[in-house]
């Protein structure tokens, strides 16, 4: 079985930081805001989880 190369151009991310948005519609801007808020929430959960792990480790080594 031969592998077939995929020559399609990779998809551009839905939003890039600093991107010119002067020609983007209000609806699309709202979609991008929702996407970015979701990403911020995901990152904040990860930070909280890492802090909790760090606190647990610190508690063990303080004994």
PDB file of N, CA and C in Angstrom:
ATOM      1  N   UNK A   1       0.850  -1.175   0.000  1.00  0.00           N
ATOM      2  CA  UNK A   1       0.000   0.000   0.000  1.00  0.00           C
ATOM      3  C   UNK A   1       0.899   1.242   0.000  1.00  0.00           C
ATOM      4  N   UNK A   2       0.718   2.112  -0.937  1.00  0.00           N
ATOM      5  CA  UNK A   2       1.533   3.321  -1.062  1.00  0.00           C
ATOM      6  C   UNK A   2       0.868   4.476  -0.326  1.00  0.00           C
ATOM      7  N   UNK A   3       1.699   5.316   0.244  1.00  0.00           N
ATOM      8  CA  UNK A   3       1.187   6.509   0.908  1.00  0.00           C
ATOM      9  C   UNK A   3       0.996   7.611  -0.122  1.00  0.00           C
ATOM     10  N   UNK A   4      -0.067   8.342   0.020  1.00  0.00           N
ATOM     11  CA  UNK A   4      -0.350   9.446  -0.888  1.00  0.00           C
ATOM     12  C   UNK A   4      -0.031  10.744  -0.161  1.00  0.00           C
ATOM     13  N   UNK A   5       0.782  11.569  -0.788  1.00  0.00           N
ATOM     14  CA  UNK A   5       1.122  12.856  -0.180  1.00  0.00           C
ATOM     15  C   UNK A   5      -0.054  13.810  -0.289  1.00  0.00           C
ATOM     16  N   UNK A   6      -0.266  14.546   0.740  1.00  0.00           N
ATOM     17  CA  UNK A   6      -1.348  15.531   0.767  1.00  0.00           C
ATOM     18  C   UNK A   6      -0.741  16.893   0.473  1.00  0.00           C
ATOM     19  N   UNK A   7      -1.015  17.424  -0.719  1.00  0.00           N
ATOM     20  CA  UNK A   7      -0.437  18.699  -1.141  1.00  0.00           C
ATOM     21  C   UNK A   7      -1.301  19.902  -0.775  1.00  0.00           C
ATOM     22  N   UNK A   8      -2.351  19.672  -0.011  1.00  0.00           N
ATOM     23  CA  UNK A   8      -3.213  20.794   0.364  1.00  0.00           C
ATOM     24  C   UNK A   8      -2.454  21.756   1.279  1.00  0.00           C
ATOM     25  N   UNK A   9      -2.801  23.004   1.176  1.00  0.00           N
ATOM     26  CA  UNK A   9      -2.205  24.034   2.025  1.00  0.00           C
ATOM     27  C   UNK A   9      -2.783  23.867   3.426  1.00  0.00           C
ATOM     28  N   UNK A  10      -1.938  23.901   4.448  1.00  0.00           N
ATOM     29  CA  UNK A  10      -2.453  23.750   5.805  1.00  0.00           C
ATOM     30  C   UNK A  10      -3.445  24.860   6.133  1.00  0.00           C
ATOM     31  N   UNK A  11      -4.452  24.520   6.945  1.00  0.00           N
ATOM     32  CA  UNK A  11      -5.449  25.513   7.324  1.00  0.00           C
ATOM     33  C   UNK A  11      -4.820  26.618   8.155  1.00  0.00           C
ATOM     34  N   UNK A  12      -5.221  27.827   7.871  1.00  0.00           N
ATOM     35  CA  UNK A  12      -4.764  28.976   8.639  1.00  0.00           C
ATOM     36  C   UNK A  12      -5.532  28.986   9.963  1.00  0.00           C
ATOM     37  N   UNK A  13      -4.861  29.314  11.065  1.00  0.00           N
ATOM     38  CA  UNK A  13      -5.576  29.360  12.344  1.00  0.00           C
ATOM     39  C   UNK A  13      -6.694  30.397  12.291  1.00  0.00           C
ATOM     40  N   UNK A  14      -7.759  30.189  13.067  1.00  0.00           N
ATOM     41  CA  UNK A  14      -8.892  31.117  13.015  1.00  0.00           C
ATOM     42  C   UNK A  14      -8.537  32.541  13.430  1.00  0.00           C
ATOM     43  N   UNK A  15      -7.505  32.679  14.235  1.00  0.00           N
ATOM     44  CA  UNK A  15      -7.081  34.021  14.635  1.00  0.00           C
ATOM     45  C   UNK A  15      -5.605  33.987  14.997  1.00  0.00           C
ATOM     46  N   UNK A  16      -4.904  35.003  14.599  1.00  0.00           N
ATOM     47  CA  UNK A  16      -3.500  35.163  14.974  1.00  0.00           C
ATOM     48  C   UNK A  16      -3.377  36.456  15.766  1.00  0.00           C
ATOM     49  N   UNK A  17      -2.634  36.406  16.846  1.00  0.00           N
ATOM     50  CA  UNK A  17      -2.444  37.590  17.689  1.00  0.00           C
ATOM     51  C   UNK A  17      -1.829  38.708  16.847  1.00  0.00           C
ATOM     52  N   UNK A  18      -2.426  39.898  16.919  1.00  0.00           N
ATOM     53  CA  UNK A  18      -1.915  41.051  16.194  1.00  0.00           C
ATOM     54  C   UNK A  18      -2.388  41.149  14.756  1.00  0.00           C
ATOM     55  N   UNK A  19      -3.200  40.201  14.341  1.00  0.00           N
ATOM     56  CA  UNK A  19      -3.693  40.165  12.966  1.00  0.00           C
ATOM     57  C   UNK A  19      -4.564  41.389  12.670  1.00  0.00           C
ATOM     58  N   UNK A  20      -4.460  41.914  11.452  1.00  0.00           N
ATOM     59  CA  UNK A  20      -5.311  43.023  11.013  1.00  0.00           C
ATOM     60  C   UNK A  20      -6.741  42.513  10.907  1.00  0.00           C
ATOM     61  N   UNK A  21      -7.649  43.127  11.631  1.00  0.00           N
ATOM     62  CA  UNK A  21      -9.043  42.688  11.622  1.00  0.00           C
ATOM     63  C   UNK A  21      -9.977  43.759  11.040  1.00  0.00           C
ATOM     64  N   UNK A  22      -9.409  44.716  10.338  1.00  0.00           N
ATOM     65  CA  UNK A  22     -10.219  45.813   9.815  1.00  0.00           C
ATOM     66  C   UNK A  22     -11.266  45.352   8.804  1.00  0.00           C
ATOM     67  N   UNK A  23     -11.050  44.250   8.137  1.00  0.00           N
ATOM     68  CA  UNK A  23     -11.997  43.769   7.133  1.00  0.00           C
ATOM     69  C   UNK A  23     -12.840  42.586   7.624  1.00  0.00           C
ATOM     70  N   UNK A  24     -12.746  42.276   8.903  1.00  0.00           N
ATOM     71  CA  UNK A  24     -13.468  41.139   9.472  1.00  0.00           C
ATOM     72  C   UNK A  24     -14.832  41.610   9.953  1.00  0.00           C
ATOM     73  N   UNK A  25     -15.861  40.803   9.710  1.00  0.00           N
ATOM     74  CA  UNK A  25     -17.222  41.175  10.103  1.00  0.00           C
ATOM     75  C   UNK A  25     -17.390  41.121  11.620  1.00  0.00           C
ATOM     76  N   UNK A  26     -18.436  41.790  12.101  1.00  0.00           N
ATOM     77  CA  UNK A  26     -18.737  41.797  13.529  1.00  0.00           C
ATOM     78  C   UNK A  26     -19.001  40.368  14.008  1.00  0.00           C
ATOM     79  N   UNK A  27     -19.735  39.602  13.232  1.00  0.00           N
ATOM     80  CA  UNK A  27     -20.027  38.222  13.608  1.00  0.00           C
ATOM     81  C   UNK A  27     -18.772  37.384  13.752  1.00  0.00           C
ATOM     82  N   UNK A  28     -17.865  37.542  12.808  1.00  0.00           N
ATOM     83  CA  UNK A  28     -16.619  36.787  12.873  1.00  0.00           C
ATOM     84  C   UNK A  28     -15.754  37.259  14.045  1.00  0.00           C
ATOM     85  N   UNK A  29     -15.768  38.553  14.320  1.00  0.00           N
ATOM     86  CA  UNK A  29     -15.035  39.059  15.485  1.00  0.00           C
ATOM     87  C   UNK A  29     -15.585  38.444  16.766  1.00  0.00           C
ATOM     88  N   UNK A  30     -16.911  38.343  16.865  1.00  0.00           N
ATOM     89  CA  UNK A  30     -17.529  37.743  18.046  1.00  0.00           C
ATOM     90  C   UNK A  30     -17.154  36.267  18.167  1.00  0.00           C
ATOM     91  N   UNK A  31     -17.080  35.568  17.043  1.00  0.00           N
ATOM     92  CA  UNK A  31     -16.649  34.169  17.057  1.00  0.00           C
ATOM     93  C   UNK A  31     -15.212  34.056  17.547  1.00  0.00           C
ATOM     94  N   UNK A  32     -14.361  34.943  17.081  1.00  0.00           N
ATOM     95  CA  UNK A  32     -12.953  34.922  17.495  1.00  0.00           C
ATOM     96  C   UNK A  32     -12.825  35.219  18.981  1.00  0.00           C
ATOM     97  N   UNK A  33     -13.626  36.172  19.467  1.00  0.00           N
ATOM     98  CA  UNK A  33     -13.606  36.496  20.900  1.00  0.00           C
ATOM     99  C   UNK A  33     -14.002  35.274  21.711  1.00  0.00           C
ATOM    100  N   UNK A  34     -15.056  34.586  21.295  1.00  0.00           N
ATOM    101  CA  UNK A  34     -15.501  33.382  22.003  1.00  0.00           C
ATOM    102  C   UNK A  34     -14.407  32.318  21.981  1.00  0.00           C
ATOM    103  N   UNK A  35     -13.759  32.143  20.853  1.00  0.00           N
ATOM    104  CA  UNK A  35     -12.670  31.176  20.729  1.00  0.00           C
ATOM    105  C   UNK A  35     -11.532  31.521  21.683  1.00  0.00           C
ATOM    106  N   UNK A  36     -11.151  32.785  21.706  1.00  0.00           N
ATOM    107  CA  UNK A  36     -10.053  33.218  22.575  1.00  0.00           C
ATOM    108  C   UNK A  36     -10.426  33.120  24.054  1.00  0.00           C
ATOM    109  N   UNK A  37     -11.679  33.439  24.398  1.00  0.00           N
ATOM    110  CA  UNK A  37     -12.115  33.298  25.794  1.00  0.00           C
ATOM    111  C   UNK A  37     -12.051  31.832  26.226  1.00  0.00           C
ATOM    112  N   UNK A  38     -12.461  30.950  25.345  1.00  0.00           N
ATOM    113  CA  UNK A  38     -12.380  29.523  25.644  1.00  0.00           C
ATOM    114  C   UNK A  38     -10.946  29.085  25.869  1.00  0.00           C
ATOM    115  N   UNK A  39     -10.048  29.592  25.062  1.00  0.00           N
ATOM    116  CA  UNK A  39      -8.631  29.252  25.211  1.00  0.00           C
ATOM    117  C   UNK A  39      -8.068  29.815  26.517  1.00  0.00           C
ATOM    118  N   UNK A  40      -8.461  31.027  26.865  1.00  0.00           N
ATOM    119  CA  UNK A  40      -8.013  31.621  28.127  1.00  0.00           C
ATOM    120  C   UNK A  40      -8.496  30.776  29.305  1.00  0.00           C
ATOM    121  N   UNK A  41      -9.752  30.346  29.262  1.00  0.00           N
ATOM    122  CA  UNK A  41     -10.288  29.508  30.334  1.00  0.00           C
ATOM    123  C   UNK A  41      -9.530  28.185  30.431  1.00  0.00           C
ATOM    124  N   UNK A  42      -9.202  27.593  29.304  1.00  0.00           N
ATOM    125  CA  UNK A  42      -8.452  26.339  29.290  1.00  0.00           C
ATOM    126  C   UNK A  42      -7.076  26.543  29.917  1.00  0.00           C
ATOM    127  N   UNK A  43      -6.412  27.633  29.567  1.00  0.00           N
ATOM    128  CA  UNK A  43      -5.087  27.916  30.108  1.00  0.00           C
ATOM    129  C   UNK A  43      -5.151  28.221  31.602  1.00  0.00           C
ATOM    130  N   UNK A  44      -6.187  28.933  32.033  1.00  0.00           N
ATOM    131  CA  UNK A  44      -6.342  29.225  33.463  1.00  0.00           C
ATOM    132  C   UNK A  44      -6.559  27.939  34.264  1.00  0.00           C
ATOM    133  N   UNK A  45      -7.311  26.984  33.709  1.00  0.00           N
ATOM    134  CA  UNK A  45      -7.489  25.690  34.386  1.00  0.00           C
ATOM    135  C   UNK A  45      -6.159  24.958  34.511  1.00  0.00           C
ATOM    136  N   UNK A  46      -5.348  25.030  33.476  1.00  0.00           N
ATOM    137  CA  UNK A  46      -4.032  24.379  33.507  1.00  0.00           C
ATOM    138  C   UNK A  46      -3.127  25.024  34.546  1.00  0.00           C
ATOM    139  N   UNK A  47      -3.145  26.337  34.625  1.00  0.00           N
ATOM    140  CA  UNK A  47      -2.351  27.046  35.639  1.00  0.00           C
ATOM    141  C   UNK A  47      -2.807  26.617  37.035  1.00  0.00           C
ATOM    142  N   UNK A  48      -4.116  26.570  37.252  1.00  0.00           N
ATOM    143  CA  UNK A  48      -4.646  26.178  38.566  1.00  0.00           C
ATOM    144  C   UNK A  48      -4.232  24.753  38.916  1.00  0.00           C
ATOM    145  N   UNK A  49      -4.288  23.855  37.951  1.00  0.00           N
ATOM    146  CA  UNK A  49      -3.893  22.466  38.196  1.00  0.00           C
ATOM    147  C   UNK A  49      -2.412  22.378  38.547  1.00  0.00           C
ATOM    148  N   UNK A  50      -1.597  23.129  37.857  1.00  0.00           N
ATOM    149  CA  UNK A  50      -0.158  23.098  38.139  1.00  0.00           C
ATOM    150  C   UNK A  50       0.153  23.711  39.504  1.00  0.00           C
ATOM    151  N   UNK A  51      -0.562  24.765  39.851  1.00  0.00           N
ATOM    152  CA  UNK A  51      -0.348  25.367  41.174  1.00  0.00           C
ATOM    153  C   UNK A  51      -0.763  24.389  42.271  1.00  0.00           C
ATOM    154  N   UNK A  52      -1.865  23.677  42.050  1.00  0.00           N
ATOM    155  CA  UNK A  52      -2.316  22.691  43.031  1.00  0.00           C
ATOM    156  C   UNK A  52      -1.284  21.586  43.183  1.00  0.00           C
ATOM    157  N   UNK A  53      -0.718  21.129  42.082  1.00  0.00           N
ATOM    158  CA  UNK A  53       0.325  20.096  42.142  1.00  0.00           C
ATOM    159  C   UNK A  53       1.547  20.606  42.879  1.00  0.00           C
ATOM    160  N   UNK A  54       1.906  21.821  42.600  1.00  0.00           N
ATOM    161  CA  UNK A  54       3.082  22.429  43.244  1.00  0.00           C
ATOM    162  C   UNK A  54       2.837  22.572  44.751  1.00  0.00           C
ATOM    163  N   UNK A  55       1.637  23.009  45.122  1.00  0.00           N
ATOM    164  CA  UNK A  55       1.307  23.160  46.537  1.00  0.00           C
ATOM    165  C   UNK A  55       1.343  21.818  47.248  1.00  0.00           C
ATOM    166  N   UNK A  56       0.834  20.783  46.604  1.00  0.00           N
ATOM    167  CA  UNK A  56       0.846  19.439  47.198  1.00  0.00           C
ATOM    168  C   UNK A  56       2.276  18.969  47.380  1.00  0.00           C
ATOM    169  N   UNK A  57       3.118  19.197  46.390  1.00  0.00           N
ATOM    170  CA  UNK A  57       4.530  18.790  46.494  1.00  0.00           C
ATOM    171  C   UNK A  57       5.238  19.576  47.581  1.00  0.00           C
ATOM    172  N   UNK A  58       4.973  20.868  47.659  1.00  0.00           N
ATOM    173  CA  UNK A  58       5.586  21.693  48.702  1.00  0.00           C
ATOM    174  C   UNK A  58       5.179  21.200  50.086  1.00  0.00           C
ATOM    175  N   UNK A  59       3.916  20.813  50.234  1.00  0.00           N
ATOM    176  CA  UNK A  59       3.427  20.325  51.532  1.00  0.00           C
ATOM    177  C   UNK A  59       4.126  19.050  51.938  1.00  0.00           C
ATOM    178  N   UNK A  60       4.393  18.178  50.994  1.00  0.00           N
ATOM    179  CA  UNK A  60       5.084  16.919  51.289  1.00  0.00           C
ATOM    180  C   UNK A  60       6.510  17.184  51.738  1.00  0.00           C
ATOM    181  N   UNK A  61       7.198  18.087  51.091  1.00  0.00           N
ATOM    182  CA  UNK A  61       8.596  18.328  51.406  1.00  0.00           C
ATOM    183  C   UNK A  61       8.809  19.239  52.608  1.00  0.00           C
ATOM    184  N   UNK A  62       7.765  19.866  53.105  1.00  0.00           N
ATOM    185  CA  UNK A  62       7.885  20.701  54.313  1.00  0.00           C
ATOM    186  C   UNK A  62       7.865  19.850  55.582  1.00  0.00           C
ATOM    187  N   UNK A  63       7.430  18.626  55.452  1.00  0.00           N
ATOM    188  CA  UNK A  63       7.311  17.757  56.643  1.00  0.00           C
ATOM    189  C   UNK A  63       8.625  17.396  57.225  1.00  0.00           C
TER     190      UNK A  63
END
